[in-house]
């Protein structure tokens, strides 16, 4: 599990840049904050959507799509890079 504080930038807030401090061992429930958290957590581990896409032979957009909508293959790829399960990152998608 990741530990420490990282900062992400949320560009979705009416076009304004917002710096979001996040404890990296707690995944945000808010979808906008989670989007920022995922990207920052990947970068902290030396990965980007583009690097994951290159490994899988898909476009960066395919990987990025999983952050906002259900795409199990890409969700698993992101989760593996973060040493988590997709259900840890997106519990609302995997609720029983």
Foldseek 3Di string as FASTA:
>chain_A
DDADKDWFWQCPPVRDTDIDIDGLVAQDPDLSSNLRSLQRLLVVLPHHLQNLCVVVVHHSVLLSVVSPDPDQVSLQSSQVSNVHGSCRSVVVVVPD
